[in-house]
Amino acid sequence: PIITLTLLLCGSGLSAYPAEDPLKTL
């Protein structure tokens, strides 16, 4: 398996988050 490292690819983990609102279906 290939480990994905998308979280920290942009330096700060928070800056890599998608723009979509995760609470839109809360």
PDB file of all heavy atoms in Angstrom:
ATOM      1  N   PRO A   1       0.821  -1.204   0.000  1.00  0.00           N
ATOM      2  CA  PRO A   1       0.000   0.000   0.000  1.00  0.00           C
ATOM      3  C   PRO A   1       0.857   1.256   0.000  1.00  0.00           C
ATOM      4  O   PRO A   1       1.903   1.316   0.623  1.00  0.00           O
ATOM      5  CB  PRO A   1      -0.808  -0.110   1.299  1.00  0.00           C
ATOM      6  CG  PRO A   1      -0.746  -1.559   1.663  1.00  0.00           C
ATOM      7  CD  PRO A   1       0.559  -2.059   1.142  1.00  0.00           C
ATOM      8  N   ILE A   2       0.411   2.255  -0.727  1.00  0.00           N
ATOM      9  CA  ILE A   2       1.095   3.544  -0.759  1.00  0.00           C
ATOM     10  C   ILE A   2       0.483   4.451   0.293  1.00  0.00           C
ATOM     11  O   ILE A   2      -0.724   4.662   0.320  1.00  0.00           O
ATOM     12  CB  ILE A   2       0.974   4.184  -2.149  1.00  0.00           C
ATOM     13  CG1 ILE A   2       1.652   3.272  -3.201  1.00  0.00           C
ATOM     14  CG2 ILE A   2       1.606   5.570  -2.164  1.00  0.00           C
ATOM     15  CD1 ILE A   2       1.451   3.730  -4.616  1.00  0.00           C
ATOM     16  N   ILE A   3       1.305   4.989   1.164  1.00  0.00           N
ATOM     17  CA  ILE A   3       0.819   5.848   2.233  1.00  0.00           C
ATOM     18  C   ILE A   3       0.568   7.238   1.670  1.00  0.00           C
ATOM     19  O   ILE A   3       1.436   7.824   1.033  1.00  0.00           O
ATOM     20  CB  ILE A   3       1.838   5.917   3.377  1.00  0.00           C
ATOM     21  CG1 ILE A   3       2.089   4.504   3.926  1.00  0.00           C
ATOM     22  CG2 ILE A   3       1.374   6.856   4.475  1.00  0.00           C
ATOM     23  CD1 ILE A   3       3.255   4.456   4.866  1.00  0.00           C
ATOM     24  N   THR A   4      -0.605   7.765   1.926  1.00  0.00           N
ATOM     25  CA  THR A   4      -0.884   9.121   1.480  1.00  0.00           C
ATOM     26  C   THR A   4      -0.448  10.094   2.546  1.00  0.00           C
ATOM     27  O   THR A   4      -0.625   9.867   3.734  1.00  0.00           O
ATOM     28  CB  THR A   4      -2.391   9.302   1.211  1.00  0.00           C
ATOM     29  OG1 THR A   4      -3.098   9.050   2.424  1.00  0.00           O
ATOM     30  CG2 THR A   4      -2.876   8.353   0.141  1.00  0.00           C
ATOM     31  N   LEU A   5       0.134  11.198   2.101  1.00  0.00           N
ATOM     32  CA  LEU A   5       0.653  12.205   3.020  1.00  0.00           C
ATOM     33  C   LEU A   5       0.081  13.570   2.683  1.00  0.00           C
ATOM     34  O   LEU A   5       0.737  14.594   2.829  1.00  0.00           O
ATOM     35  CB  LEU A   5       2.184  12.237   2.944  1.00  0.00           C
ATOM     36  CG  LEU A   5       2.901  10.954   3.375  1.00  0.00           C
ATOM     37  CD1 LEU A   5       4.386  11.075   3.114  1.00  0.00           C
ATOM     38  CD2 LEU A   5       2.648  10.673   4.837  1.00  0.00           C
ATOM     39  N   THR A   6      -1.167  13.582   2.277  1.00  0.00           N
ATOM     40  CA  THR A   6      -1.750  14.840   1.824  1.00  0.00           C
ATOM     41  C   THR A   6      -1.865  15.853   2.930  1.00  0.00           C
ATOM     42  O   THR A   6      -1.850  17.053   2.682  1.00  0.00           O
ATOM     43  CB  THR A   6      -3.149  14.586   1.239  1.00  0.00           C
ATOM     44  OG1 THR A   6      -3.952  13.945   2.234  1.00  0.00           O
ATOM     45  CG2 THR A   6      -3.061  13.696   0.024  1.00  0.00           C
ATOM     46  N   LEU A   7      -1.967  15.420   4.162  1.00  0.00           N
ATOM     47  CA  LEU A   7      -2.244  16.350   5.250  1.00  0.00           C
ATOM     48  C   LEU A   7      -1.161  17.400   5.400  1.00  0.00           C
ATOM     49  O   LEU A   7      -1.444  18.569   5.654  1.00  0.00           O
ATOM     50  CB  LEU A   7      -2.387  15.564   6.556  1.00  0.00           C
ATOM     51  CG  LEU A   7      -2.667  16.408   7.790  1.00  0.00           C
ATOM     52  CD1 LEU A   7      -3.969  17.164   7.635  1.00  0.00           C
ATOM     53  CD2 LEU A   7      -2.678  15.553   9.030  1.00  0.00           C
ATOM     54  N   LEU A   8       0.093  16.971   5.210  1.00  0.00           N
ATOM     55  CA  LEU A   8       1.181  17.894   5.525  1.00  0.00           C
ATOM     56  C   LEU A   8       1.955  18.336   4.284  1.00  0.00           C
ATOM     57  O   LEU A   8       3.044  18.878   4.396  1.00  0.00           O
ATOM     58  CB  LEU A   8       2.136  17.224   6.525  1.00  0.00           C
ATOM     59  CG  LEU A   8       1.468  16.824   7.846  1.00  0.00           C
ATOM     60  CD1 LEU A   8       2.490  16.142   8.750  1.00  0.00           C
ATOM     61  CD2 LEU A   8       0.872  18.017   8.554  1.00  0.00           C
ATOM     62  N   LEU A   9       1.385  18.112   3.109  1.00  0.00           N
ATOM     63  CA  LEU A   9       2.111  18.468   1.898  1.00  0.00           C
ATOM     64  C   LEU A   9       2.331  19.967   1.757  1.00  0.00           C
ATOM     65  O   LEU A   9       3.245  20.404   1.075  1.00  0.00           O
ATOM     66  CB  LEU A   9       1.357  17.940   0.669  1.00  0.00           C
ATOM     67  CG  LEU A   9       1.418  16.415   0.468  1.00  0.00           C
ATOM     68  CD1 LEU A   9       0.592  16.034  -0.740  1.00  0.00           C
ATOM     69  CD2 LEU A   9       2.850  15.950   0.291  1.00  0.00           C
ATOM     70  N   CYS A  10       1.471  20.735   2.377  1.00  0.00           N
ATOM     71  CA  CYS A  10       1.574  22.192   2.220  1.00  0.00           C
ATOM     72  C   CYS A  10       2.252  22.848   3.413  1.00  0.00           C
ATOM     73  O   CYS A  10       2.015  24.013   3.703  1.00  0.00           O
ATOM     74  CB  CYS A  10       0.183  22.787   2.005  1.00  0.00           C
ATOM     75  SG  CYS A  10      -0.644  22.161   0.535  1.00  0.00           S
ATOM     76  N   GLY A  11       3.076  22.101   4.121  1.00  0.00           N
ATOM     77  CA  GLY A  11       3.760  22.680   5.283  1.00  0.00           C
ATOM     78  C   GLY A  11       2.887  22.545   6.503  1.00  0.00           C
ATOM     79  O   GLY A  11       2.914  21.549   7.191  1.00  0.00           O
ATOM     80  N   SER A  12       2.078  23.559   6.808  1.00  0.00           N
ATOM     81  CA  SER A  12       1.137  23.476   7.914  1.00  0.00           C
ATOM     82  C   SER A  12      -0.009  22.568   7.525  1.00  0.00           C
ATOM     83  O   SER A  12      -0.587  22.700   6.453  1.00  0.00           O
ATOM     84  CB  SER A  12       0.576  24.855   8.251  1.00  0.00           C
ATOM     85  OG  SER A  12      -0.547  24.730   9.096  1.00  0.00           O
ATOM     86  N   GLY A  13      -0.368  21.615   8.395  1.00  0.00           N
ATOM     87  CA  GLY A  13      -1.466  20.717   8.090  1.00  0.00           C
ATOM     88  C   GLY A  13      -2.755  21.464   7.817  1.00  0.00           C
ATOM     89  O   GLY A  13      -3.535  21.108   6.940  1.00  0.00           O
ATOM     90  N   LEU A  14      -3.014  22.548   8.565  1.00  0.00           N
ATOM     91  CA  LEU A  14      -4.275  23.258   8.410  1.00  0.00           C
ATOM     92  C   LEU A  14      -4.413  23.884   7.027  1.00  0.00           C
ATOM     93  O   LEU A  14      -5.513  24.008   6.513  1.00  0.00           O
ATOM     94  CB  LEU A  14      -4.401  24.330   9.494  1.00  0.00           C
ATOM     95  CG  LEU A  14      -4.495  23.796  10.924  1.00  0.00           C
ATOM     96  CD1 LEU A  14      -4.510  24.956  11.904  1.00  0.00           C
ATOM     97  CD2 LEU A  14      -5.731  22.944  11.108  1.00  0.00           C
ATOM     98  N   SER A  15      -3.307  24.252   6.399  1.00  0.00           N
ATOM     99  CA  SER A  15      -3.405  24.913   5.103  1.00  0.00           C
ATOM    100  C   SER A  15      -3.761  23.951   3.986  1.00  0.00           C
ATOM    101  O   SER A  15      -4.076  24.385   2.887  1.00  0.00           O
ATOM    102  CB  SER A  15      -2.065  25.584   4.772  1.00  0.00           C
ATOM    103  OG  SER A  15      -1.051  24.611   4.585  1.00  0.00           O
ATOM    104  N   ALA A  16      -3.703  22.631   4.245  1.00  0.00           N
ATOM    105  CA  ALA A  16      -3.993  21.656   3.206  1.00  0.00           C
ATOM    106  C   ALA A  16      -5.449  21.216   3.201  1.00  0.00           C
ATOM    107  O   ALA A  16      -5.852  20.408   2.391  1.00  0.00           O
ATOM    108  CB  ALA A  16      -3.100  20.422   3.383  1.00  0.00           C
ATOM    109  N   TYR A  17      -6.269  21.714   4.122  1.00  0.00           N
ATOM    110  CA  TYR A  17      -7.651  21.258   4.216  1.00  0.00           C
ATOM    111  C   TYR A  17      -8.454  21.738   3.009  1.00  0.00           C
ATOM    112  O   TYR A  17      -8.265  22.836   2.511  1.00  0.00           O
ATOM    113  CB  TYR A  17      -8.317  21.802   5.482  1.00  0.00           C
ATOM    114  CG  TYR A  17      -7.650  21.395   6.762  1.00  0.00           C
ATOM    115  CD1 TYR A  17      -7.834  22.146   7.900  1.00  0.00           C
ATOM    116  CD2 TYR A  17      -6.841  20.280   6.821  1.00  0.00           C
ATOM    117  CE1 TYR A  17      -7.222  21.782   9.081  1.00  0.00           C
ATOM    118  CE2 TYR A  17      -6.224  19.918   7.988  1.00  0.00           C
ATOM    119  CZ  TYR A  17      -6.411  20.670   9.124  1.00  0.00           C
ATOM    120  OH  TYR A  17      -5.802  20.320  10.285  1.00  0.00           O
ATOM    121  N   PRO A  18      -9.419  20.926   2.543  1.00  0.00           N
ATOM    122  CA  PRO A  18     -10.257  21.352   1.427  1.00  0.00           C
ATOM    123  C   PRO A  18     -11.185  22.483   1.840  1.00  0.00           C
ATOM    124  O   PRO A  18     -11.521  22.637   3.009  1.00  0.00           O
ATOM    125  CB  PRO A  18     -11.042  20.078   1.087  1.00  0.00           C
ATOM    126  CG  PRO A  18     -11.063  19.289   2.366  1.00  0.00           C
ATOM    127  CD  PRO A  18      -9.756  19.577   3.033  1.00  0.00           C
ATOM    128  N   ALA A  19     -11.610  23.264   0.861  1.00  0.00           N
ATOM    129  CA  ALA A  19     -12.457  24.421   1.150  1.00  0.00           C
ATOM    130  C   ALA A  19     -13.883  24.020   1.494  1.00  0.00           C
ATOM    131  O   ALA A  19     -14.608  24.773   2.149  1.00  0.00           O
ATOM    132  CB  ALA A  19     -12.463  25.361  -0.063  1.00  0.00           C
ATOM    133  N   GLU A  20     -14.321  22.856   1.065  1.00  0.00           N
ATOM    134  CA  GLU A  20     -15.696  22.427   1.307  1.00  0.00           C
ATOM    135  C   GLU A  20     -16.009  22.415   2.803  1.00  0.00           C
ATOM    136  O   GLU A  20     -15.215  21.950   3.611  1.00  0.00           O
ATOM    137  CB  GLU A  20     -15.896  21.027   0.727  1.00  0.00           C
ATOM    138  CG  GLU A  20     -17.283  20.448   0.944  1.00  0.00           C
ATOM    139  CD  GLU A  20     -17.387  19.043   0.390  1.00  0.00           C
ATOM    140  OE1 GLU A  20     -16.688  18.740  -0.601  1.00  0.00           O
ATOM    141  OE2 GLU A  20     -18.161  18.248   0.949  1.00  0.00           O
ATOM    142  N   ASP A  21     -17.173  22.912   3.154  1.00  0.00           N
ATOM    143  CA  ASP A  21     -17.583  22.981   4.562  1.00  0.00           C
ATOM    144  C   ASP A  21     -18.005  21.591   5.030  1.00  0.00           C
ATOM    145  O   ASP A  21     -19.022  21.063   4.576  1.00  0.00           O
ATOM    146  CB  ASP A  21     -18.731  23.964   4.730  1.00  0.00           C
ATOM    147  CG  ASP A  21     -19.156  24.117   6.183  1.00  0.00           C
ATOM    148  OD1 ASP A  21     -18.501  23.519   7.065  1.00  0.00           O
ATOM    149  OD2 ASP A  21     -20.144  24.832   6.435  1.00  0.00           O
ATOM    150  N   PRO A  22     -17.269  20.979   5.946  1.00  0.00           N
ATOM    151  CA  PRO A  22     -17.638  19.631   6.389  1.00  0.00           C
ATOM    152  C   PRO A  22     -18.913  19.607   7.225  1.00  0.00           C
ATOM    153  O   PRO A  22     -19.459  18.522   7.468  1.00  0.00           O
ATOM    154  CB  PRO A  22     -16.425  19.187   7.215  1.00  0.00           C
ATOM    155  CG  PRO A  22     -15.822  20.456   7.705  1.00  0.00           C
ATOM    156  CD  PRO A  22     -16.044  21.460   6.617  1.00  0.00           C
ATOM    157  N   LEU A  23     -19.390  20.777   7.667  1.00  0.00           N
ATOM    158  CA  LEU A  23     -20.586  20.815   8.514  1.00  0.00           C
ATOM    159  C   LEU A  23     -21.866  21.101   7.739  1.00  0.00           C
ATOM    160  O   LEU A  23     -22.928  21.252   8.340  1.00  0.00           O
ATOM    161  CB  LEU A  23     -20.414  21.887   9.603  1.00  0.00           C
ATOM    162  CG  LEU A  23     -19.269  21.663  10.598  1.00  0.00           C
ATOM    163  CD1 LEU A  23     -19.252  22.788  11.626  1.00  0.00           C
ATOM    164  CD2 LEU A  23     -19.393  20.316  11.283  1.00  0.00           C
ATOM    165  N   LYS A  24     -21.771  21.146   6.417  1.00  0.00           N
ATOM    166  CA  LYS A  24     -22.957  21.526   5.655  1.00  0.00           C
ATOM    167  C   LYS A  24     -24.090  20.509   5.791  1.00  0.00           C
ATOM    168  O   LYS A  24     -25.265  20.851   5.611  1.00  0.00           O
ATOM    169  CB  LYS A  24     -22.616  21.727   4.189  1.00  0.00           C
ATOM    170  CG  LYS A  24     -22.222  20.477   3.425  1.00  0.00           C
ATOM    171  CD  LYS A  24     -21.932  20.793   1.975  1.00  0.00           C
ATOM    172  CE  LYS A  24     -21.598  19.527   1.186  1.00  0.00           C
ATOM    173  NZ  LYS A  24     -21.332  19.831  -0.250  1.00  0.00           N
ATOM    174  N   THR A  25     -23.777  19.257   6.132  1.00  0.00           N
ATOM    175  CA  THR A  25     -24.811  18.237   6.309  1.00  0.00           C
ATOM    176  C   THR A  25     -24.950  17.815   7.772  1.00  0.00           C
ATOM    177  O   THR A  25     -25.492  16.743   8.059  1.00  0.00           O
ATOM    178  CB  THR A  25     -24.502  17.008   5.449  1.00  0.00           C
ATOM    179  OG1 THR A  25     -23.204  16.491   5.807  1.00  0.00           O
ATOM    180  CG2 THR A  25     -24.521  17.365   3.971  1.00  0.00           C
ATOM    181  N   LEU A  26     -24.453  18.634   8.707  1.00  0.00           N
ATOM    182  CA  LEU A  26     -24.512  18.267  10.130  1.00  0.00           C
ATOM    183  C   LEU A  26     -25.951  18.066  10.581  1.00  0.00           C
ATOM    184  O   LEU A  26     -26.814  18.918  10.360  1.00  0.00           O
ATOM    185  CB  LEU A  26     -23.868  19.362  10.975  1.00  0.00           C
ATOM    186  CG  LEU A  26     -23.874  19.133  12.491  1.00  0.00           C
ATOM    187  CD1 LEU A  26     -22.925  18.001  12.861  1.00  0.00           C
ATOM    188  CD2 LEU A  26     -23.514  20.414  13.239  1.00  0.00           C
TER     189      LEU A  26
END
